[in-house]
Amino acid sequence: MKLVAVMVRTLNAGVDYQEFRRAWAPDEVVPDDPRVVLSALNLEDPQELCTVAVVEDVEPADIPVWMERLAPIEERRYQRIRHLVSEPRLNAVYRVVAEDALAHPVAV
């Protein structure tokens, strides 16, 4: 199963993405962390940040297990970024139900 976790928030006034990224970067790596994270800035409002974590080959029931392992790392990261960014306007996990390369015909 493929999941995506999506978070949308706003960088605080005077904070640029590089400052946020330095604080956001994990201070510890867990080799079997299943997430690949994409970060994107809104073209019309570069203070709006969208983060998408793609998680492949995991079942929803597995999430609490690896999140428990990652919790201390995530808490330290939160403490470093909380003054740089707003609370999320969107923070949800979705199950991917289709993946289409639009340069090719889409099967329905």
Protein backbone atom coordinates (compact mmCIF):
# COMPACT_ATOMS: atom_id res chain seq x y z
CA MET A 1 0.00 0.00 0.00
CA LYS A 2 1.16 3.54 -0.74
CA LEU A 3 0.25 6.39 1.57
CA VAL A 4 0.83 10.13 1.42
CA ALA A 5 0.93 12.40 4.44
CA VAL A 6 0.20 16.01 3.53
CA MET A 7 0.87 19.07 5.67
CA VAL A 8 0.24 22.68 4.64
CA ARG A 9 1.47 25.54 6.80
CA THR A 10 2.85 29.06 6.49
CA LEU A 11 6.36 30.22 7.22
CA ASN A 12 6.25 33.04 9.76
CA ALA A 13 7.02 36.61 8.71
CA GLY A 14 10.74 37.10 8.15
CA VAL A 15 11.45 33.35 7.91
CA ASP A 16 12.73 32.01 4.61
CA TYR A 17 12.64 28.39 3.51
CA GLN A 18 16.39 27.80 4.01
CA GLU A 19 16.15 28.88 7.66
CA PHE A 20 13.16 26.57 8.13
CA ARG A 21 14.93 23.68 6.35
CA ARG A 22 18.02 23.94 8.56
CA ALA A 23 15.79 23.63 11.65
CA TRP A 24 13.54 20.98 10.04
CA ALA A 25 16.33 18.56 9.03
CA PRO A 26 16.32 15.50 11.29
CA ASP A 27 19.18 15.31 13.78
CA GLU A 28 19.13 11.52 13.62
CA VAL A 29 18.55 9.07 10.78
CA VAL A 30 16.56 5.86 11.17
CA PRO A 31 17.69 3.52 8.35
CA ASP A 32 14.29 1.86 7.86
CA ASP A 33 12.24 5.10 7.98
CA PRO A 34 9.72 4.48 5.18
CA ARG A 35 9.10 8.15 4.32
CA VAL A 36 10.34 10.10 1.32
CA VAL A 37 9.50 13.77 1.86
CA LEU A 38 8.76 16.37 -0.82
CA SER A 39 8.68 20.01 0.25
CA ALA A 40 7.13 22.64 -2.01
CA LEU A 41 6.52 26.37 -1.84
CA ASN A 42 3.38 27.91 -3.31
CA LEU A 43 4.26 29.80 -6.51
CA GLU A 44 1.77 32.56 -5.65
CA ASP A 45 2.68 32.74 -1.94
CA PRO A 46 6.23 31.54 -1.23
CA GLN A 47 5.52 31.67 2.52
CA GLU A 48 3.05 28.77 2.11
CA LEU A 49 4.79 25.43 2.49
CA CYS A 50 3.35 22.07 1.48
CA THR A 51 5.11 18.95 2.71
CA VAL A 52 4.19 15.55 1.27
CA ALA A 53 5.62 12.37 2.74
CA VAL A 54 5.31 9.38 0.41
CA VAL A 55 5.24 6.07 2.23
CA GLU A 56 5.35 2.88 0.17
CA ASP A 57 4.89 -0.76 1.10
CA VAL A 58 3.36 -0.08 4.50
CA GLU A 59 0.04 -0.94 6.05
CA PRO A 60 -1.85 1.68 8.08
CA ALA A 61 -1.56 -0.61 11.11
CA ASP A 62 2.25 -0.31 10.86
CA ILE A 63 2.21 3.48 11.24
CA PRO A 64 2.00 3.56 15.06
CA VAL A 65 4.98 1.19 15.30
CA TRP A 66 7.39 3.30 13.28
CA MET A 67 5.95 6.59 14.51
CA GLU A 68 6.71 5.46 18.08
CA ARG A 69 10.33 4.86 17.04
CA LEU A 70 10.48 8.25 15.30
CA ALA A 71 8.63 10.18 18.04
CA PRO A 72 11.72 11.48 19.90
CA ILE A 73 13.28 12.69 16.62
CA GLU A 74 10.01 14.31 15.52
CA GLU A 75 9.58 16.03 18.91
CA ARG A 76 13.07 17.54 18.74
CA ARG A 77 12.36 18.71 15.20
CA TYR A 78 9.04 20.24 16.27
CA GLN A 79 10.78 22.14 19.07
CA ARG A 80 13.25 23.59 16.54
CA ILE A 81 10.62 24.69 13.97
CA ARG A 82 7.62 25.71 16.08
CA HIS A 83 8.64 29.38 16.19
CA LEU A 84 9.36 29.44 12.42
CA VAL A 85 6.05 28.21 11.02
CA SER A 86 2.30 28.29 11.71
CA GLU A 87 0.36 25.31 12.94
CA PRO A 88 -0.75 23.19 9.95
CA ARG A 89 -3.93 24.15 8.08
CA LEU A 90 -3.94 20.64 6.66
CA ASN A 91 -2.35 17.62 8.30
CA ALA A 92 -3.69 14.29 7.06
CA VAL A 93 -2.68 10.86 5.79
CA TYR A 94 -4.23 9.50 2.60
CA ARG A 95 -4.20 6.10 0.91
CA VAL A 96 -3.14 6.37 -2.73
CA VAL A 97 -5.90 4.91 -4.94
CA ALA A 98 -4.50 5.85 -8.36
CA GLU A 99 -1.21 6.90 -9.88
CA ASP A 100 -1.40 8.12 -13.46
CA ALA A 101 1.32 9.29 -15.84
CA LEU A 102 -0.68 11.74 -17.94
CA ALA A 103 1.67 11.40 -20.91
CA HIS A 104 0.02 8.00 -21.40
CA PRO A 105 -3.63 6.92 -21.73
CA VAL A 106 -5.33 6.57 -18.36
CA ALA A 107 -7.12 3.30 -17.69
CA VAL A 108 -10.46 3.72 -15.95
